[in-house]
Amino acid sequence: MIDRREVLVQVGGLVLGEVAKMILELLLRRGEMTDEELSSELNMPVNDVRRVLHKLFEMQLVRYRRVRDPKVGWYSYFWRVTDERPEIVLEQRKRKVVEKLKELLRYETENSFFACPQCRARYTYSEALSSMFQCPACGSYLEEYDNSKRVRALRELIERLASLKIE
């Protein structure tokens, strides 16, 4: 059976990249660390580390506690890996992806599209109309674009993801 901690590291790495994976691995080994300690340990600028930490926080893969230094008045943030089970985090992520796909499907079904036969750029009806049905990039005349395959693929993907059970 796969260790839940390894699942968190893999999810973070797949979604946010190698830096997120290194941060998660370090936090799992050391427990709680400040962003400055992580920056020093990884030989990376602290702003880059903070950017990834905030993305990991948005994904609910890490948590932090804030401690104020009474002398200086500044806050230190102590980061650690979340206590939540990975399947809960993955289920929440899946729901967000399904929501985004539904928004994209709604956009695709509520609009008519035109495409440039030369450069393959795609435009909505209103965009095509404003450019007199000529491609703004290359000047070719735009042709009506059939997005039925895209709509079908989105519907299938939404259905597959919605029915996927994460355990």
Foldseek 3Di string as FASTA:
>chain_A
DDDQLVVLLVVLCVVPHDLSSVLSVVQVVPPKDWLVVSCVVVVHPSVVSVVSVVVCVVLQQKDWDWDADPVPRDITIIMHGHPDGVLVSVVVVLVVVLVVLVVVLCVVVVFWWWAAPPPGDIDTPVVCVVVVQADPVPGGGIGTDDCPVVNVVSVVVSVVSVPDHRD
